[in-house]
Protein backbone atom coordinates (compact mmCIF):
# COMPACT_ATOMS: atom_id res chain seq x y z
CA MET A 1 -0.16 -0.01 -0.01
CA ALA A 2 2.98 2.32 0.79
CA GLY A 3 4.30 1.76 -2.57
CA ASN A 4 0.90 2.63 -4.34
CA SER A 5 0.76 5.83 -2.34
CA ILE A 6 4.25 6.80 -3.48
CA LEU A 7 3.56 5.99 -7.12
CA LEU A 8 0.22 8.16 -6.84
CA ALA A 9 2.13 11.02 -5.33
CA ALA A 10 4.85 10.86 -7.69
CA LEU A 11 2.27 10.70 -10.88
CA SER A 12 0.27 13.77 -9.25
CA VAL A 13 3.56 15.69 -9.00
CA LEU A 14 4.70 14.96 -12.44
CA SER A 15 1.04 15.92 -13.79
CA ALA A 16 1.11 19.16 -12.07
CA CYS A 17 4.61 20.01 -13.23
CA GLN A 18 4.17 18.29 -16.58
CA GLN A 19 4.78 21.30 -18.67
CA THR A 20 8.01 22.41 -16.99
CA PHE A 21 9.36 18.88 -16.87
CA ALA A 22 8.38 18.27 -20.53
CA THR A 23 10.16 21.61 -21.54
CA CYS A 24 13.19 20.46 -19.55
CA LEU A 25 13.02 17.07 -21.42
CA GLY A 26 12.88 18.75 -24.84
CA LEU A 27 16.00 20.61 -24.00
CA VAL A 28 17.72 17.47 -23.02
CA TYR A 29 16.29 15.96 -26.28
CA ILE A 30 17.75 18.80 -28.53
CA TYR A 31 20.89 18.42 -26.56
CA SER A 32 20.97 14.59 -27.38
CA ARG A 33 20.40 15.13 -30.90
CA HIS A 34 23.30 17.61 -30.89
CA GLN A 35 25.55 14.98 -29.32
CA TYR A 36 24.41 12.42 -31.82
CA PHE A 37 25.09 14.74 -34.75
CA TRP A 38 28.59 15.59 -33.57
CA GLY A 39 29.35 12.10 -32.94
CA TYR A 40 28.40 10.74 -35.99
CA ALA A 41 30.25 13.30 -37.86
CA GLU A 42 33.51 12.30 -36.14
CA ALA A 43 33.09 8.54 -36.07
CA ALA A 44 29.88 6.36 -36.21
CA LYS A 45 30.62 4.68 -33.01
CA LYS A 46 30.50 8.09 -31.07
CA ARG A 47 26.89 8.31 -31.93
CA ILE A 48 25.69 5.71 -29.57
CA THR A 49 25.49 8.03 -26.44
CA GLY A 50 23.59 10.66 -28.19
CA PHE A 51 21.00 7.92 -29.77
CA ARG A 52 20.48 6.37 -26.27
CA LEU A 53 19.79 9.55 -24.51
CA SER A 54 17.34 10.64 -27.09
CA LEU A 55 15.63 7.31 -27.21
CA GLY A 56 15.16 7.43 -23.27
CA VAL A 57 13.99 11.06 -23.34
CA LEU A 58 11.40 10.09 -25.99
CA ALA A 59 10.31 7.31 -23.99
CA LEU A 60 9.94 9.24 -20.99
CA LEU A 61 7.89 11.97 -22.75
CA THR A 62 5.65 9.28 -24.29
CA VAL A 63 5.12 7.91 -20.71
CA LEU A 64 4.27 11.37 -19.32
CA GLY A 65 1.80 12.08 -22.31
CA ALA A 66 0.14 8.86 -21.44
CA VAL A 67 -0.03 9.85 -17.73
CA GLY A 68 -1.53 13.12 -18.80
CA ILE A 69 -4.13 11.58 -21.09
CA LEU A 70 -5.08 9.01 -18.27
CA ASN A 71 -5.58 11.87 -15.67
CA SER A 72 -7.46 13.96 -17.93
CA PHE A 73 -9.78 10.84 -18.91
CA LEU A 74 -10.10 9.92 -15.11
CA ASP A 75 -11.06 13.52 -14.26
CA GLU A 76 -13.37 14.26 -17.05
CA TYR A 77 -15.26 10.99 -17.47
CA LEU A 78 -15.00 9.03 -14.35
CA ASP A 79 -14.86 12.01 -11.90
CA ILE A 80 -11.94 10.76 -10.14
CA ASP A 81 -9.58 13.53 -9.03
CA ILE A 82 -6.15 12.08 -7.99
CA ALA A 83 -4.79 15.15 -6.49
CA LYS A 84 -7.55 15.60 -4.30
CA LYS A 85 -7.55 12.06 -3.05
CA LEU A 86 -3.92 12.35 -2.32
CA ARG A 87 -4.47 15.50 -0.21
CA HIS A 88 -6.75 13.26 2.14
CA PHE A 89 -3.75 11.09 2.87
């Protein structure tokens, strides 16, 4: 039960700060593409770090988008407000 509470708290914080966090991840993605380009220009093996970083950022952005859609769906159609339930703990 404690693990679920921590997960719900983390999800609510991420959804509240989602725009700021997504902006920061976007900047990290641009940096990783920069690293990928310059690594590829020097040697093909040097591009791996930038590629993996950009892949991780894109995966995290996808997860954050899914969490945001789920939160909106729960709030709009099922009338479940996760932030309100977490305030009662």
